[in-house]
Structures are given as C-alpha cells and as structure tokens.
Amino acid sequence: MSGKLNKSTASLHAAAKAKPKPDWSLTPKAKRNSMLDFAKAIASGEEQEEQGAAPEKSQGFAMRPESSFYQAMSDVEALADSKSALVNLADNFEAFPGSLLVDEKGADAVGGVKAKYDVSPDGDLFLLAQIEIACPKETAMDLLWDGRATTVCKIWKSLVGSHEIVHEYTPTCRILHIKFAPPSLGAAAATSARDTSVIANKYSKTIVCHSIVSSHIPPVDGSENKKVQYVRGDTKVLGFVVEPTGPNSCSVSIACDFALNGGFDWWVTKLLFKCTGVAEMAAKSTATDVAKCLKRLRTACEALAKGDADIAM
C-alpha cells in the first residue's frame, strides 16, 4: 500500500512539472498605477481622522507622480494590491478629484452614468465610471467575463475593435489581446491605433486586468493589416467592481489607467498636449465612450435578467 501511495505521489509531482508555466510578466508600468496612489491618499486621510487630526485635502494622484506608496513587488502581490485599490476607488467615487463628465446644463453627460476623468503627470488617461443596473450581481459578473468577441464588441463597440482570448490558465484567469477602435482623426486613424495584451483575473465581485509581456502576443507590426498600424499601449490597470444593492440589483464600476505609449512617451509631446488641452479632451472623449458602453451593458444585463435571449443594444 505504501508503494502505491508513493507511486501516486510521484505521478502528481510529474504532472505538476509537466504543466506549462505561465508565460507572462507584468510590464513595468502596470506595476505602478494611479489607483495605488489614490488608495494611499484615502488611507492617509482615514488614519489622520482616527488620530483626531484634520485630514489633508486630497490632491489626487496627479500631485504624486513618484508616489512613495509604490514599492518593488512580485507580480502576484501587484495584482492583489491593485484589486484592493480598485475596490477602494469604487467606494470613494465622490472623493476622487477627477473632472466630472457633465453636459452643458451640469447634468450627467450620459444619462444614468456617473463618470470622472483625468490625465496623470505621465500623460496617462484615467477614468472612473459607475452605473446602477436592475439585475443580480452574478448576471453582471457573468456578462463582463463573457470573452466571446461578438459579446465584447457589441457592448464595447465604441472602444474595442477586436477581442481575443489567447490563453486560459484557469476558468478565472486568462490572457487577452485587445485591439482598440482606431481614432477618427484623419491620418491619425491609420497611425495611432492602440492594442494591449493583458492578464485578466476574475474574483467574487471584481475583474482586474494588467498589461503583460508574453510570447503569446507579440506586438502587431501592421503587416497583417496595411491600413492600420498598432502601437502597444500599457493597460496599467483596467478593472470592474460589481456590488449588489439588492436581490435583483447591483452597481457596476469601471476604472482604467491607460498609457498610450508611442509618440506620447516623448516629453515634448506630453508638454504640448498638456498646454493645448488635447490630453484632457482625449480623456473626456474616452470617458464619454465608456459611459455609452455602460448603458449598453445595462441594457444587456437587464434583458438577461428578464430571460430575454435576444439582446438588442
């Protein structure tokens, strides 16, 4: 009997060694994102309140380009920290110092969606948006995790041109290749399209994505499509938080910190875009598109909750 157990144990060890190791690592930029800076600011304020001192007014991540909160960490620790910071950010929407997305009358620019946007000192586009949906939390989580290209491109069509699950390690961990819709800015449409490779992890109420380097997804050089040349952008963090607000209702929050890279990494370009307001206009435009996508998500989730298989968005 002892021999059988040893043989069984040996088989398990052999199987473990034979299993391919994850072929990915976080990009340097993905290991430092603005959500961590914001979480540090919130934690610092709460600590001062507990000590009886008046908390300092948060200046937002834009005032901390070199936040001391960031430390060298393993990729797994970085993923866990970003998950916690994401939940913290979703819970503190009003405290986040970004610009509120409103129309000329001061109302929500996209009905039913609260959204804020900002540009970090590094020139990254940062946005935070929330929407209330009349469906169970599980319905929203399942649809957000639905990796079929038809589903993703239907809901996120304002932003996503194509979406592919390149590799799936577990039912809750996968590598994705996302090509964003090219901008409609004349010549820029052919030269400024972005794509990104991310590791996506699903938890009980959150989905968190970070840019990675992986042999599964080499940079797109444009040879497969002469009309569009993609620049690999850095998804420092992209995440969703789904909080139940009742038996058949929930709140969905999305936050994203995205580095455009390419020519936008040049300090002269950053300065020019900051002075002309182009970067903020781009952030506002992206926030508007995200808000529209959230409305389509709500339509789809509420249709599924009613048992309607034919989702019209």
C-alpha atoms as a PDB file:
ATOM      1  CA  MET A   1       0.000   0.000   0.000  1.00  0.00           C
ATOM      2  CA  SER A   2       2.855   2.303   0.840  1.00  0.00           C
ATOM      3  CA  GLY A   3       4.324   1.655  -2.582  1.00  0.00           C
ATOM      4  CA  LYS A   4       1.067   2.581  -4.252  1.00  0.00           C
ATOM      5  CA  LEU A   5       0.916   5.863  -2.329  1.00  0.00           C
ATOM      6  CA  ASN A   6       4.481   6.712  -3.281  1.00  0.00           C
ATOM      7  CA  LYS A   7       3.749   5.875  -6.895  1.00  0.00           C
ATOM      8  CA  SER A   8       0.659   8.072  -6.806  1.00  0.00           C
ATOM      9  CA  THR A   9       2.614  10.930  -5.233  1.00  0.00           C
ATOM     10  CA  ALA A  10       5.330  10.583  -7.837  1.00  0.00           C
ATOM     11  CA  SER A  11       2.700  10.803 -10.585  1.00  0.00           C
ATOM     12  CA  LEU A  12       1.330  14.008  -9.117  1.00  0.00           C
ATOM     13  CA  HIS A  13       4.792  15.553  -8.952  1.00  0.00           C
ATOM     14  CA  ALA A  14       5.458  14.507 -12.543  1.00  0.00           C
ATOM     15  CA  ALA A  15       2.165  16.041 -13.673  1.00  0.00           C
ATOM     16  CA  ALA A  16       2.957  19.274 -11.840  1.00  0.00           C
ATOM     17  CA  LYS A  17       6.335  19.500 -13.534  1.00  0.00           C
ATOM     18  CA  ALA A  18       4.832  18.759 -16.924  1.00  0.00           C
ATOM     19  CA  LYS A  19       2.232  21.548 -16.594  1.00  0.00           C
ATOM     20  CA  PRO A  20       3.398  24.568 -18.616  1.00  0.00           C
ATOM     21  CA  LYS A  21       4.432  27.568 -16.549  1.00  0.00           C
ATOM     22  CA  PRO A  22       2.543  30.849 -17.061  1.00  0.00           C
ATOM     23  CA  ASP A  23       4.214  32.677 -19.924  1.00  0.00           C
ATOM     24  CA  TRP A  24       3.669  36.246 -18.789  1.00  0.00           C
ATOM     25  CA  SER A  25       5.024  39.012 -16.606  1.00  0.00           C
ATOM     26  CA  LEU A  26       3.597  42.421 -15.772  1.00  0.00           C
ATOM     27  CA  THR A  27       5.003  45.358 -17.698  1.00  0.00           C
ATOM     28  CA  PRO A  28       6.955  47.846 -15.538  1.00  0.00           C
ATOM     29  CA  LYS A  29       4.213  50.450 -15.961  1.00  0.00           C
ATOM     30  CA  ALA A  30       1.491  48.011 -14.914  1.00  0.00           C
ATOM     31  CA  LYS A  31       3.239  47.519 -11.556  1.00  0.00           C
ATOM     32  CA  ARG A  32       2.756  51.203 -10.765  1.00  0.00           C
ATOM     33  CA  ASN A  33      -0.697  52.630 -11.338  1.00  0.00           C
ATOM     34  CA  SER A  34      -2.643  55.653 -10.170  1.00  0.00           C
ATOM     35  CA  MET A  35      -5.181  53.629  -8.185  1.00  0.00           C
ATOM     36  CA  LEU A  36      -2.439  52.732  -5.728  1.00  0.00           C
ATOM     37  CA  ASP A  37      -1.633  56.429  -5.266  1.00  0.00           C
ATOM     38  CA  PHE A  38      -5.292  57.243  -4.668  1.00  0.00           C
ATOM     39  CA  ALA A  39      -5.657  54.365  -2.183  1.00  0.00           C
ATOM     40  CA  LYS A  40      -2.640  55.738  -0.302  1.00  0.00           C
ATOM     41  CA  ALA A  41      -4.261  59.174  -0.120  1.00  0.00           C
ATOM     42  CA  ILE A  42      -7.557  57.750   1.172  1.00  0.00           C
ATOM     43  CA  ALA A  43      -5.787  55.562   3.760  1.00  0.00           C
ATOM     44  CA  SER A  44      -3.711  58.527   4.935  1.00  0.00           C
ATOM     45  CA  GLY A  45      -6.830  60.657   5.386  1.00  0.00           C
ATOM     46  CA  GLU A  46      -8.630  57.944   7.373  1.00  0.00           C
ATOM     47  CA  GLU A  47      -5.584  57.488   9.613  1.00  0.00           C
ATOM     48  CA  GLN A  48      -5.491  61.219  10.378  1.00  0.00           C
ATOM     49  CA  GLU A  49      -9.202  61.206  11.215  1.00  0.00           C
ATOM     50  CA  GLU A  50      -8.720  58.281  13.630  1.00  0.00           C
ATOM     51  CA  GLN A  51      -5.958  60.240  15.359  1.00  0.00           C
ATOM     52  CA  GLY A  52      -8.230  63.275  15.719  1.00  0.00           C
ATOM     53  CA  ALA A  53      -6.331  65.425  13.244  1.00  0.00           C
ATOM     54  CA  ALA A  54      -7.960  67.229  10.359  1.00  0.00           C
ATOM     55  CA  PRO A  55      -7.214  65.212   7.217  1.00  0.00           C
ATOM     56  CA  GLU A  56      -5.374  66.982   4.455  1.00  0.00           C
ATOM     57  CA  LYS A  57      -7.440  67.672   1.366  1.00  0.00           C
ATOM     58  CA  SER A  58      -6.673  65.050  -1.251  1.00  0.00           C
ATOM     59  CA  GLN A  59      -4.853  66.435  -4.270  1.00  0.00           C
ATOM     60  CA  GLY A  60      -5.398  63.263  -6.242  1.00  0.00           C
ATOM     61  CA  PHE A  61      -2.846  61.100  -7.927  1.00  0.00           C
ATOM     62  CA  ALA A  62      -1.930  63.942 -10.290  1.00  0.00           C
ATOM     63  CA  MET A  63       0.100  65.535  -7.498  1.00  0.00           C
ATOM     64  CA  ARG A  64       2.099  62.385  -6.796  1.00  0.00           C
ATOM     65  CA  PRO A  65       3.902  61.257  -9.964  1.00  0.00           C
ATOM     66  CA  GLU A  66       6.507  59.484  -7.807  1.00  0.00           C
ATOM     67  CA  SER A  67       4.291  58.098  -5.049  1.00  0.00           C
ATOM     68  CA  SER A  68       6.197  56.550  -2.154  1.00  0.00           C
ATOM     69  CA  PHE A  69       3.318  54.086  -1.861  1.00  0.00           C
ATOM     70  CA  TYR A  70       4.753  52.170  -4.823  1.00  0.00           C
ATOM     71  CA  GLN A  71       7.363  49.592  -3.888  1.00  0.00           C
ATOM     72  CA  ALA A  72       9.050  46.804  -5.781  1.00  0.00           C
ATOM     73  CA  MET A  73       6.834  43.766  -5.517  1.00  0.00           C
ATOM     74  CA  SER A  74       6.163  40.470  -7.175  1.00  0.00           C
ATOM     75  CA  ASP A  75       3.596  40.281  -9.962  1.00  0.00           C
ATOM     76  CA  VAL A  76       1.183  38.355  -7.735  1.00  0.00           C
ATOM     77  CA  GLU A  77       1.469  40.997  -4.993  1.00  0.00           C
ATOM     78  CA  ALA A  78       0.957  43.742  -7.565  1.00  0.00           C
ATOM     79  CA  LEU A  79      -2.260  42.098  -8.774  1.00  0.00           C
ATOM     80  CA  ALA A  80      -3.560  41.786  -5.209  1.00  0.00           C
ATOM     81  CA  ASP A  81      -2.727  45.394  -4.355  1.00  0.00           C
ATOM     82  CA  SER A  82      -4.434  46.708  -7.475  1.00  0.00           C
ATOM     83  CA  LYS A  83      -7.538  44.658  -6.679  1.00  0.00           C
ATOM     84  CA  SER A  84      -7.775  46.238  -3.214  1.00  0.00           C
ATOM     85  CA  ALA A  85      -7.125  49.716  -4.624  1.00  0.00           C
ATOM     86  CA  LEU A  86      -9.827  49.189  -7.254  1.00  0.00           C
ATOM     87  CA  VAL A  87     -12.467  48.374  -4.621  1.00  0.00           C
ATOM     88  CA  ASN A  88     -11.284  51.361  -2.575  1.00  0.00           C
ATOM     89  CA  LEU A  89     -11.634  53.656  -5.580  1.00  0.00           C
ATOM     90  CA  ALA A  90     -15.132  52.406  -6.427  1.00  0.00           C
ATOM     91  CA  ASP A  91     -16.213  53.034  -2.824  1.00  0.00           C
ATOM     92  CA  ASN A  92     -14.857  56.594  -2.920  1.00  0.00           C
ATOM     93  CA  PHE A  93     -16.198  57.903  -6.225  1.00  0.00           C
ATOM     94  CA  GLU A  94     -17.094  61.331  -4.810  1.00  0.00           C
ATOM     95  CA  ALA A  95     -13.666  61.757  -3.225  1.00  0.00           C
ATOM     96  CA  PHE A  96     -11.816  61.080  -6.473  1.00  0.00           C
ATOM     97  CA  PRO A  97     -10.624  64.513  -7.720  1.00  0.00           C
ATOM     98  CA  GLY A  98     -11.092  63.942 -11.460  1.00  0.00           C
ATOM     99  CA  SER A  99     -13.299  66.105 -13.676  1.00  0.00           C
ATOM    100  CA  LEU A 100     -16.979  65.132 -13.615  1.00  0.00           C
ATOM    101  CA  LEU A 101     -18.421  64.227 -17.018  1.00  0.00           C
ATOM    102  CA  VAL A 102     -21.415  66.570 -17.408  1.00  0.00           C
ATOM    103  CA  ASP A 103     -23.345  68.233 -20.217  1.00  0.00           C
ATOM    104  CA  GLU A 104     -23.768  71.971 -20.773  1.00  0.00           C
ATOM    105  CA  LYS A 105     -26.508  72.066 -18.118  1.00  0.00           C
ATOM    106  CA  GLY A 106     -24.380  70.364 -15.466  1.00  0.00           C
ATOM    107  CA  ALA A 107     -26.255  67.064 -15.603  1.00  0.00           C
ATOM    108  CA  ASP A 108     -24.714  63.635 -16.289  1.00  0.00           C
ATOM    109  CA  ALA A 109     -23.402  63.762 -19.856  1.00  0.00           C
ATOM    110  CA  VAL A 110     -24.692  60.226 -20.443  1.00  0.00           C
ATOM    111  CA  GLY A 111     -27.953  59.631 -18.588  1.00  0.00           C
ATOM    112  CA  GLY A 112     -27.715  57.224 -15.673  1.00  0.00           C
ATOM    113  CA  VAL A 113     -23.898  57.055 -15.653  1.00  0.00           C
ATOM    114  CA  LYS A 114     -21.621  58.906 -13.241  1.00  0.00           C
ATOM    115  CA  ALA A 115     -18.164  59.385 -14.723  1.00  0.00           C
ATOM    116  CA  LYS A 116     -14.941  61.199 -13.907  1.00  0.00           C
ATOM    117  CA  TYR A 117     -11.748  61.563 -15.926  1.00  0.00           C
ATOM    118  CA  ASP A 118      -8.228  62.913 -15.523  1.00  0.00           C
ATOM    119  CA  VAL A 119      -4.729  62.906 -17.020  1.00  0.00           C
ATOM    120  CA  SER A 120      -1.793  61.805 -14.863  1.00  0.00           C
ATOM    121  CA  PRO A 121       1.590  63.619 -14.837  1.00  0.00           C
ATOM    122  CA  ASP A 122       2.889  60.805 -17.041  1.00  0.00           C
ATOM    123  CA  GLY A 123       0.215  61.594 -19.628  1.00  0.00           C
ATOM    124  CA  ASP A 124      -1.914  58.526 -18.868  1.00  0.00           C
ATOM    125  CA  LEU A 125      -5.666  58.611 -19.427  1.00  0.00           C
ATOM    126  CA  PHE A 126      -7.530  57.826 -16.224  1.00  0.00           C
ATOM    127  CA  LEU A 127     -11.256  57.343 -15.834  1.00  0.00           C
ATOM    128  CA  LEU A 128     -13.796  56.128 -13.310  1.00  0.00           C
ATOM    129  CA  ALA A 129     -17.472  55.457 -14.059  1.00  0.00           C
ATOM    130  CA  GLN A 130     -20.448  53.866 -12.268  1.00  0.00           C
ATOM    131  CA  ILE A 131     -23.929  52.733 -13.226  1.00  0.00           C
ATOM    132  CA  GLU A 132     -26.873  51.137 -11.398  1.00  0.00           C
ATOM    133  CA  ILE A 133     -28.336  48.018 -13.044  1.00  0.00           C
ATOM    134  CA  ALA A 134     -31.581  46.140 -12.309  1.00  0.00           C
ATOM    135  CA  CYS A 135     -30.094  42.642 -12.332  1.00  0.00           C
ATOM    136  CA  PRO A 136     -28.427  40.278  -9.850  1.00  0.00           C
ATOM    137  CA  LYS A 137     -24.700  40.760  -9.277  1.00  0.00           C
ATOM    138  CA  GLU A 138     -23.990  37.338 -10.816  1.00  0.00           C
ATOM    139  CA  THR A 139     -25.642  38.316 -14.103  1.00  0.00           C
ATOM    140  CA  ALA A 140     -23.438  41.394 -14.458  1.00  0.00           C
ATOM    141  CA  MET A 141     -20.271  39.495 -13.498  1.00  0.00           C
ATOM    142  CA  ASP A 142     -21.005  36.710 -15.986  1.00  0.00           C
ATOM    143  CA  LEU A 143     -21.588  39.165 -18.833  1.00  0.00           C
ATOM    144  CA  LEU A 144     -18.464  41.174 -18.019  1.00  0.00           C
ATOM    145  CA  TRP A 145     -16.448  37.931 -18.034  1.00  0.00           C
ATOM    146  CA  ASP A 146     -18.044  36.702 -21.271  1.00  0.00           C
ATOM    147  CA  GLY A 147     -14.992  36.604 -23.528  1.00  0.00           C
ATOM    148  CA  ARG A 148     -16.746  35.944 -26.826  1.00  0.00           C
ATOM    149  CA  ALA A 149     -15.651  38.550 -29.352  1.00  0.00           C
ATOM    150  CA  THR A 150     -19.226  39.110 -30.522  1.00  0.00           C
ATOM    151  CA  THR A 151     -20.375  39.927 -26.979  1.00  0.00           C
ATOM    152  CA  VAL A 152     -17.426  42.183 -26.155  1.00  0.00           C
ATOM    153  CA  CYS A 153     -17.503  44.104 -29.424  1.00  0.00           C
ATOM    154  CA  LYS A 154     -21.273  44.560 -29.203  1.00  0.00           C
ATOM    155  CA  ILE A 155     -21.216  46.105 -25.747  1.00  0.00           C
ATOM    156  CA  TRP A 156     -17.874  47.938 -26.004  1.00  0.00           C
ATOM    157  CA  LYS A 157     -18.069  48.799 -29.720  1.00  0.00           C
ATOM    158  CA  SER A 158     -17.274  52.478 -29.072  1.00  0.00           C
ATOM    159  CA  LEU A 159     -13.833  51.435 -27.845  1.00  0.00           C
ATOM    160  CA  VAL A 160     -12.952  47.870 -28.864  1.00  0.00           C
ATOM    161  CA  GLY A 161     -12.221  46.851 -32.438  1.00  0.00           C
ATOM    162  CA  SER A 162     -11.371  43.212 -31.705  1.00  0.00           C
ATOM    163  CA  HIS A 163     -11.040  40.978 -28.660  1.00  0.00           C
ATOM    164  CA  GLU A 164      -9.426  37.552 -28.350  1.00  0.00           C
ATOM    165  CA  ILE A 165      -8.840  35.103 -25.504  1.00  0.00           C
ATOM    166  CA  VAL A 166      -5.311  34.000 -26.354  1.00  0.00           C
ATOM    167  CA  HIS A 167      -4.761  31.620 -23.462  1.00  0.00           C
ATOM    168  CA  GLU A 168      -6.811  30.478 -20.468  1.00  0.00           C
ATOM    169  CA  TYR A 169      -4.917  29.178 -17.438  1.00  0.00           C
ATOM    170  CA  THR A 170      -7.999  28.611 -15.280  1.00  0.00           C
ATOM    171  CA  PRO A 171     -11.713  29.485 -15.591  1.00  0.00           C
ATOM    172  CA  THR A 172     -10.911  32.720 -13.719  1.00  0.00           C
ATOM    173  CA  CYS A 173      -7.549  33.647 -15.250  1.00  0.00           C
ATOM    174  CA  ARG A 174      -6.860  34.326 -18.915  1.00  0.00           C
ATOM    175  CA  ILE A 175      -4.653  36.283 -21.309  1.00  0.00           C
ATOM    176  CA  LEU A 176      -6.426  38.677 -23.656  1.00  0.00           C
ATOM    177  CA  HIS A 177      -5.397  40.573 -26.777  1.00  0.00           C
ATOM    178  CA  ILE A 178      -7.483  43.695 -27.302  1.00  0.00           C
ATOM    179  CA  LYS A 179      -7.283  45.969 -30.323  1.00  0.00           C
ATOM    180  CA  PHE A 180      -8.927  49.297 -29.704  1.00  0.00           C
ATOM    181  CA  ALA A 181     -11.008  51.070 -32.307  1.00  0.00           C
ATOM    182  CA  PRO A 182      -8.769  53.472 -34.291  1.00  0.00           C
ATOM    183  CA  PRO A 183      -9.392  57.186 -33.646  1.00  0.00           C
ATOM    184  CA  SER A 184     -11.365  59.035 -36.295  1.00  0.00           C
ATOM    185  CA  LEU A 185      -8.864  61.880 -36.617  1.00  0.00           C
ATOM    186  CA  GLY A 186      -7.829  61.881 -40.253  1.00  0.00           C
ATOM    187  CA  ALA A 187      -4.322  60.466 -40.703  1.00  0.00           C
ATOM    188  CA  ALA A 188      -4.226  59.524 -37.017  1.00  0.00           C
ATOM    189  CA  ALA A 189      -6.726  56.768 -37.716  1.00  0.00           C
ATOM    190  CA  ALA A 190      -4.056  54.845 -39.639  1.00  0.00           C
ATOM    191  CA  THR A 191      -1.104  55.533 -37.334  1.00  0.00           C
ATOM    192  CA  SER A 192      -2.471  55.965 -33.794  1.00  0.00           C
ATOM    193  CA  ALA A 193      -4.457  52.779 -33.168  1.00  0.00           C
ATOM    194  CA  ARG A 194      -3.607  51.035 -29.903  1.00  0.00           C
ATOM    195  CA  ASP A 195      -3.652  47.413 -28.852  1.00  0.00           C
ATOM    196  CA  THR A 196      -2.870  45.839 -25.498  1.00  0.00           C
ATOM    197  CA  SER A 197      -2.081  42.419 -24.038  1.00  0.00           C
ATOM    198  CA  VAL A 198      -3.395  41.812 -20.531  1.00  0.00           C
ATOM    199  CA  ILE A 199      -3.720  39.202 -17.826  1.00  0.00           C
ATOM    200  CA  ALA A 200      -7.334  39.162 -16.610  1.00  0.00           C
ATOM    201  CA  ASN A 201      -8.397  37.750 -13.250  1.00  0.00           C
ATOM    202  CA  LYS A 202     -11.958  37.251 -12.034  1.00  0.00           C
ATOM    203  CA  TYR A 203     -12.808  37.315  -8.328  1.00  0.00           C
ATOM    204  CA  SER A 204     -16.117  37.222  -6.428  1.00  0.00           C
ATOM    205  CA  LYS A 205     -17.032  40.824  -7.228  1.00  0.00           C
ATOM    206  CA  THR A 206     -14.118  42.197  -9.225  1.00  0.00           C
ATOM    207  CA  ILE A 207     -12.354  41.692 -12.539  1.00  0.00           C
ATOM    208  CA  VAL A 208      -8.834  43.102 -12.768  1.00  0.00           C
ATOM    209  CA  CYS A 209      -6.630  43.381 -15.883  1.00  0.00           C
ATOM    210  CA  HIS A 210      -2.985  44.449 -16.219  1.00  0.00           C
ATOM    211  CA  SER A 211      -0.676  44.770 -19.204  1.00  0.00           C
ATOM    212  CA  ILE A 212       1.800  41.948 -19.626  1.00  0.00           C
ATOM    213  CA  VAL A 213       4.728  40.863 -21.740  1.00  0.00           C
ATOM    214  CA  SER A 214       4.028  37.436 -23.203  1.00  0.00           C
ATOM    215  CA  SER A 215       5.257  35.378 -26.131  1.00  0.00           C
ATOM    216  CA  HIS A 216       1.583  34.566 -26.741  1.00  0.00           C
ATOM    217  CA  ILE A 217       1.027  38.119 -28.015  1.00  0.00           C
ATOM    218  CA  PRO A 218       3.951  39.716 -29.858  1.00  0.00           C
ATOM    219  CA  PRO A 219       3.487  43.384 -30.834  1.00  0.00           C
ATOM    220  CA  VAL A 220       1.439  43.946 -34.001  1.00  0.00           C
ATOM    221  CA  ASP A 221       3.667  45.452 -36.683  1.00  0.00           C
ATOM    222  CA  GLY A 222       0.884  46.320 -39.083  1.00  0.00           C
ATOM    223  CA  SER A 223       1.800  43.668 -41.647  1.00  0.00           C
ATOM    224  CA  GLU A 224      -1.470  41.821 -41.079  1.00  0.00           C
ATOM    225  CA  ASN A 225      -3.418  44.961 -41.938  1.00  0.00           C
ATOM    226  CA  LYS A 226      -1.653  47.576 -44.045  1.00  0.00           C
ATOM    227  CA  LYS A 227      -4.376  50.130 -43.343  1.00  0.00           C
ATOM    228  CA  VAL A 228      -3.861  50.175 -39.565  1.00  0.00           C
ATOM    229  CA  GLN A 229      -0.618  50.116 -37.603  1.00  0.00           C
ATOM    230  CA  TYR A 230      -0.989  49.380 -33.894  1.00  0.00           C
ATOM    231  CA  VAL A 231       1.079  50.804 -31.067  1.00  0.00           C
ATOM    232  CA  ARG A 232       1.212  48.624 -27.935  1.00  0.00           C
ATOM    233  CA  GLY A 233      -0.396  50.635 -25.144  1.00  0.00           C
ATOM    234  CA  ASP A 234       0.030  49.907 -21.441  1.00  0.00           C
ATOM    235  CA  THR A 235      -3.092  48.988 -19.512  1.00  0.00           C
ATOM    236  CA  LYS A 236      -1.642  49.863 -16.124  1.00  0.00           C
ATOM    237  CA  VAL A 237      -4.916  48.656 -14.698  1.00  0.00           C
ATOM    238  CA  LEU A 238      -8.427  48.049 -16.000  1.00  0.00           C
ATOM    239  CA  GLY A 239     -10.968  46.814 -13.538  1.00  0.00           C
ATOM    240  CA  PHE A 240     -14.627  46.273 -12.732  1.00  0.00           C
ATOM    241  CA  VAL A 241     -16.312  46.170  -9.345  1.00  0.00           C
ATOM    242  CA  VAL A 242     -19.846  44.763  -9.071  1.00  0.00           C
ATOM    243  CA  GLU A 243     -21.581  45.460  -5.755  1.00  0.00           C
ATOM    244  CA  PRO A 244     -25.044  44.050  -5.003  1.00  0.00           C
ATOM    245  CA  THR A 245     -27.529  46.760  -3.987  1.00  0.00           C
ATOM    246  CA  GLY A 246     -30.469  44.384  -3.598  1.00  0.00           C
ATOM    247  CA  PRO A 247     -31.618  40.854  -4.518  1.00  0.00           C
ATOM    248  CA  ASN A 248     -32.060  41.877  -8.163  1.00  0.00           C
ATOM    249  CA  SER A 249     -29.935  44.991  -8.492  1.00  0.00           C
ATOM    250  CA  CYS A 250     -26.283  45.951  -8.463  1.00  0.00           C
ATOM    251  CA  SER A 251     -23.826  48.767  -9.054  1.00  0.00           C
ATOM    252  CA  VAL A 252     -21.090  48.357 -11.678  1.00  0.00           C
ATOM    253  CA  SER A 253     -17.935  50.470 -11.516  1.00  0.00           C
ATOM    254  CA  ILE A 254     -15.169  50.603 -14.097  1.00  0.00           C
ATOM    255  CA  ALA A 255     -11.763  52.202 -13.626  1.00  0.00           C
ATOM    256  CA  CYS A 256      -8.930  52.411 -16.120  1.00  0.00           C
ATOM    257  CA  ASP A 257      -5.406  53.815 -16.122  1.00  0.00           C
ATOM    258  CA  PHE A 258      -4.013  53.622 -19.653  1.00  0.00           C
ATOM    259  CA  ALA A 259      -0.654  54.751 -21.070  1.00  0.00           C
ATOM    260  CA  LEU A 260      -0.807  55.470 -24.809  1.00  0.00           C
ATOM    261  CA  ASN A 261       2.963  54.992 -25.312  1.00  0.00           C
ATOM    262  CA  GLY A 262       4.453  55.564 -28.754  1.00  0.00           C
ATOM    263  CA  GLY A 263       4.941  59.239 -29.540  1.00  0.00           C
ATOM    264  CA  PHE A 264       3.021  60.150 -26.384  1.00  0.00           C
ATOM    265  CA  ASP A 265       6.013  58.999 -24.294  1.00  0.00           C
ATOM    266  CA  TRP A 266       8.111  61.918 -25.583  1.00  0.00           C
ATOM    267  CA  TRP A 267       8.258  64.733 -23.020  1.00  0.00           C
ATOM    268  CA  VAL A 268       7.751  67.386 -25.697  1.00  0.00           C
ATOM    269  CA  THR A 269       4.512  65.696 -26.806  1.00  0.00           C
ATOM    270  CA  LYS A 270       3.326  65.438 -23.204  1.00  0.00           C
ATOM    271  CA  LEU A 271       4.009  69.132 -22.614  1.00  0.00           C
ATOM    272  CA  LEU A 272       2.328  70.135 -25.875  1.00  0.00           C
ATOM    273  CA  PHE A 273      -0.765  68.076 -25.201  1.00  0.00           C
ATOM    274  CA  LYS A 274      -0.992  69.386 -21.646  1.00  0.00           C
ATOM    275  CA  CYS A 275      -0.674  73.033 -22.698  1.00  0.00           C
ATOM    276  CA  THR A 276      -3.178  72.721 -25.550  1.00  0.00           C
ATOM    277  CA  GLY A 277      -5.667  70.665 -23.536  1.00  0.00           C
ATOM    278  CA  VAL A 278      -5.606  67.851 -26.099  1.00  0.00           C
ATOM    279  CA  ALA A 279      -4.860  65.195 -23.461  1.00  0.00           C
ATOM    280  CA  GLU A 280      -7.826  66.243 -21.322  1.00  0.00           C
ATOM    281  CA  MET A 281     -10.092  66.308 -24.371  1.00  0.00           C
ATOM    282  CA  ALA A 282      -8.976  62.767 -25.203  1.00  0.00           C
ATOM    283  CA  ALA A 283      -9.692  61.658 -21.629  1.00  0.00           C
ATOM    284  CA  LYS A 284     -13.128  63.287 -21.734  1.00  0.00           C
ATOM    285  CA  SER A 285     -13.921  61.667 -25.082  1.00  0.00           C
ATOM    286  CA  THR A 286     -12.869  58.254 -23.770  1.00  0.00           C
ATOM    287  CA  ALA A 287     -14.959  58.731 -20.625  1.00  0.00           C
ATOM    288  CA  THR A 288     -17.979  59.578 -22.804  1.00  0.00           C
ATOM    289  CA  ASP A 289     -17.471  56.405 -24.861  1.00  0.00           C
ATOM    290  CA  VAL A 290     -17.129  54.308 -21.698  1.00  0.00           C
ATOM    291  CA  ALA A 291     -20.348  55.793 -20.308  1.00  0.00           C
ATOM    292  CA  LYS A 292     -22.184  54.840 -23.512  1.00  0.00           C
ATOM    293  CA  CYS A 293     -20.773  51.311 -23.257  1.00  0.00           C
ATOM    294  CA  LEU A 294     -22.018  51.029 -19.672  1.00  0.00           C
ATOM    295  CA  LYS A 295     -25.513  51.920 -20.855  1.00  0.00           C
ATOM    296  CA  ARG A 296     -25.331  49.075 -23.389  1.00  0.00           C
ATOM    297  CA  LEU A 297     -24.090  46.797 -20.605  1.00  0.00           C
ATOM    298  CA  ARG A 298     -27.106  47.778 -18.512  1.00  0.00           C
ATOM    299  CA  THR A 299     -29.484  47.054 -21.402  1.00  0.00           C
ATOM    300  CA  ALA A 300     -27.933  43.626 -21.914  1.00  0.00           C
ATOM    301  CA  CYS A 301     -27.861  42.703 -18.207  1.00  0.00           C
ATOM    302  CA  GLU A 302     -31.457  43.729 -17.613  1.00  0.00           C
ATOM    303  CA  ALA A 303     -32.587  41.825 -20.701  1.00  0.00           C
ATOM    304  CA  LEU A 304     -30.777  38.692 -19.473  1.00  0.00           C
ATOM    305  CA  ALA A 305     -32.322  39.107 -16.016  1.00  0.00           C
ATOM    306  CA  LYS A 306     -35.763  39.058 -17.658  1.00  0.00           C
ATOM    307  CA  GLY A 307     -34.884  35.914 -19.599  1.00  0.00           C
ATOM    308  CA  ASP A 308     -34.621  37.700 -22.942  1.00  0.00           C
ATOM    309  CA  ALA A 309     -32.030  35.826 -25.003  1.00  0.00           C
ATOM    310  CA  ASP A 310     -32.234  38.298 -27.898  1.00  0.00           C
ATOM    311  CA  ILE A 311     -30.212  41.254 -26.601  1.00  0.00           C
ATOM    312  CA  ALA A 312     -30.649  44.414 -28.633  1.00  0.00           C
ATOM    313  CA  MET A 313     -28.092  47.126 -27.932  1.00  0.00           C
END
